[in-house]
Structure formats: C-alpha cells, structure tokens
Amino acid sequence: MIIMKLQEGENIERALKKFKRKYERTGVLKELRRRQYFTKPSIEKREAMQHAIYVEHTYRQEE
C-alpha cells in the first residue's frame, strides 16, 4: 500500500504527480505486465544470456 503524506494546502495536482511517481517506483505495473504471460525458464535463461552478451559487446566497443 502506498502512503502519501500531504502538506497543509498542497495542490491536488502536485499530490497526484507525487503519487504517480511513487507508484511507478514500486514496480507494480511492471510486475503485472510480466505476469500476464508465462515464459519457460529455459527461454528466460536464454534471453538473459543474450542480454549479457549484448551488454558486454557494447562495453567493449566503447573501449
């Protein structure tokens, strides 16, 4: 649960903006989208390996 402390006389738009920012940081929406479909563990491992190779390749190109 997200708890927002508002100051006396704080603008409602500003409070809503704070809430949205805090909500995004919790990762609730990202987790919800991730759980919408099932990915086999072998495919997750393969994608993680490909991402690691990509990152390593980009770092080596910078040097």
C-alpha atoms as a PDB file:
ATOM      1  CA  MET A   1       0.000   0.000   0.000  1.00  0.00           C
ATOM      2  CA  ILE A   2       1.293   3.424  -0.932  1.00  0.00           C
ATOM      3  CA  ILE A   3       1.068   6.061   1.783  1.00  0.00           C
ATOM      4  CA  MET A   4       1.217   9.698   0.807  1.00  0.00           C
ATOM      5  CA  LYS A   5       1.776  12.460   3.358  1.00  0.00           C
ATOM      6  CA  LEU A   6       0.381  15.741   2.121  1.00  0.00           C
ATOM      7  CA  GLN A   7       1.322  19.134   3.417  1.00  0.00           C
ATOM      8  CA  GLU A   8      -1.300  21.622   4.532  1.00  0.00           C
ATOM      9  CA  GLY A   9      -2.733  23.397   1.489  1.00  0.00           C
ATOM     10  CA  GLU A  10      -0.782  21.306  -1.051  1.00  0.00           C
ATOM     11  CA  ASN A  11      -2.046  21.463  -4.598  1.00  0.00           C
ATOM     12  CA  ILE A  12      -4.001  18.335  -5.636  1.00  0.00           C
ATOM     13  CA  GLU A  13      -2.189  18.135  -8.989  1.00  0.00           C
ATOM     14  CA  ARG A  14       1.167  18.135  -7.229  1.00  0.00           C
ATOM     15  CA  ALA A  15      -0.009  15.407  -4.844  1.00  0.00           C
ATOM     16  CA  LEU A  16      -1.268  13.307  -7.749  1.00  0.00           C
ATOM     17  CA  LYS A  17       2.073  13.717  -9.515  1.00  0.00           C
ATOM     18  CA  LYS A  18       3.891  12.544  -6.370  1.00  0.00           C
ATOM     19  CA  PHE A  19       1.587   9.540  -6.137  1.00  0.00           C
ATOM     20  CA  LYS A  20       2.144   8.548  -9.762  1.00  0.00           C
ATOM     21  CA  ARG A  21       5.915   8.828  -9.366  1.00  0.00           C
ATOM     22  CA  LYS A  22       5.867   6.731  -6.198  1.00  0.00           C
ATOM     23  CA  TYR A  23       3.599   4.160  -7.863  1.00  0.00           C
ATOM     24  CA  GLU A  24       5.966   3.778 -10.820  1.00  0.00           C
ATOM     25  CA  ARG A  25       8.954   3.294  -8.499  1.00  0.00           C
ATOM     26  CA  THR A  26       7.263   0.401  -6.704  1.00  0.00           C
ATOM     27  CA  GLY A  27       7.213  -1.606  -9.945  1.00  0.00           C
ATOM     28  CA  VAL A  28       3.641  -2.830  -9.500  1.00  0.00           C
ATOM     29  CA  LEU A  29       2.641  -2.175 -13.089  1.00  0.00           C
ATOM     30  CA  LYS A  30       5.845  -3.692 -14.459  1.00  0.00           C
ATOM     31  CA  GLU A  31       5.298  -6.839 -12.389  1.00  0.00           C
ATOM     32  CA  LEU A  32       1.674  -7.046 -13.528  1.00  0.00           C
ATOM     33  CA  ARG A  33       2.677  -6.899 -17.187  1.00  0.00           C
ATOM     34  CA  ARG A  34       5.384  -9.512 -16.609  1.00  0.00           C
ATOM     35  CA  ARG A  35       2.860 -11.926 -15.094  1.00  0.00           C
ATOM     36  CA  GLN A  36       0.377 -11.649 -17.968  1.00  0.00           C
ATOM     37  CA  TYR A  37       2.096 -14.441 -19.843  1.00  0.00           C
ATOM     38  CA  PHE A  38       4.216 -17.438 -18.912  1.00  0.00           C
ATOM     39  CA  THR A  39       7.771 -17.752 -20.166  1.00  0.00           C
ATOM     40  CA  LYS A  40       9.559 -21.057 -19.868  1.00  0.00           C
ATOM     41  CA  PRO A  41      12.622 -20.971 -17.593  1.00  0.00           C
ATOM     42  CA  SER A  42      14.863 -22.118 -20.434  1.00  0.00           C
ATOM     43  CA  ILE A  43      13.752 -19.190 -22.586  1.00  0.00           C
ATOM     44  CA  GLU A  44      14.256 -16.738 -19.706  1.00  0.00           C
ATOM     45  CA  LYS A  45      17.778 -18.070 -19.237  1.00  0.00           C
ATOM     46  CA  ARG A  46      18.497 -17.775 -22.970  1.00  0.00           C
ATOM     47  CA  GLU A  47      17.227 -14.184 -23.090  1.00  0.00           C
ATOM     48  CA  ALA A  48      19.289 -13.260 -20.025  1.00  0.00           C
ATOM     49  CA  MET A  49      22.395 -14.740 -21.662  1.00  0.00           C
ATOM     50  CA  GLN A  50      21.745 -12.849 -24.904  1.00  0.00           C
ATOM     51  CA  HIS A  51      21.285  -9.611 -22.970  1.00  0.00           C
ATOM     52  CA  ALA A  52      24.548 -10.178 -21.086  1.00  0.00           C
ATOM     53  CA  ILE A  53      26.383 -10.799 -24.368  1.00  0.00           C
ATOM     54  CA  TYR A  54      24.873  -7.634 -25.848  1.00  0.00           C
ATOM     55  CA  VAL A  55      25.891  -5.522 -22.847  1.00  0.00           C
ATOM     56  CA  GLU A  56      29.424  -6.934 -22.860  1.00  0.00           C
ATOM     57  CA  HIS A  57      29.696  -6.273 -26.594  1.00  0.00           C
ATOM     58  CA  THR A  58      28.608  -2.644 -26.230  1.00  0.00           C
ATOM     59  CA  TYR A  59      31.088  -2.047 -23.388  1.00  0.00           C
ATOM     60  CA  ARG A  60      33.921  -3.479 -25.453  1.00  0.00           C
ATOM     61  CA  GLN A  61      33.032  -1.256 -28.411  1.00  0.00           C
ATOM     62  CA  GLU A  62      33.304   1.843 -26.213  1.00  0.00           C
ATOM     63  CA  GLU A  63      36.894   0.994 -25.266  1.00  0.00           C
END
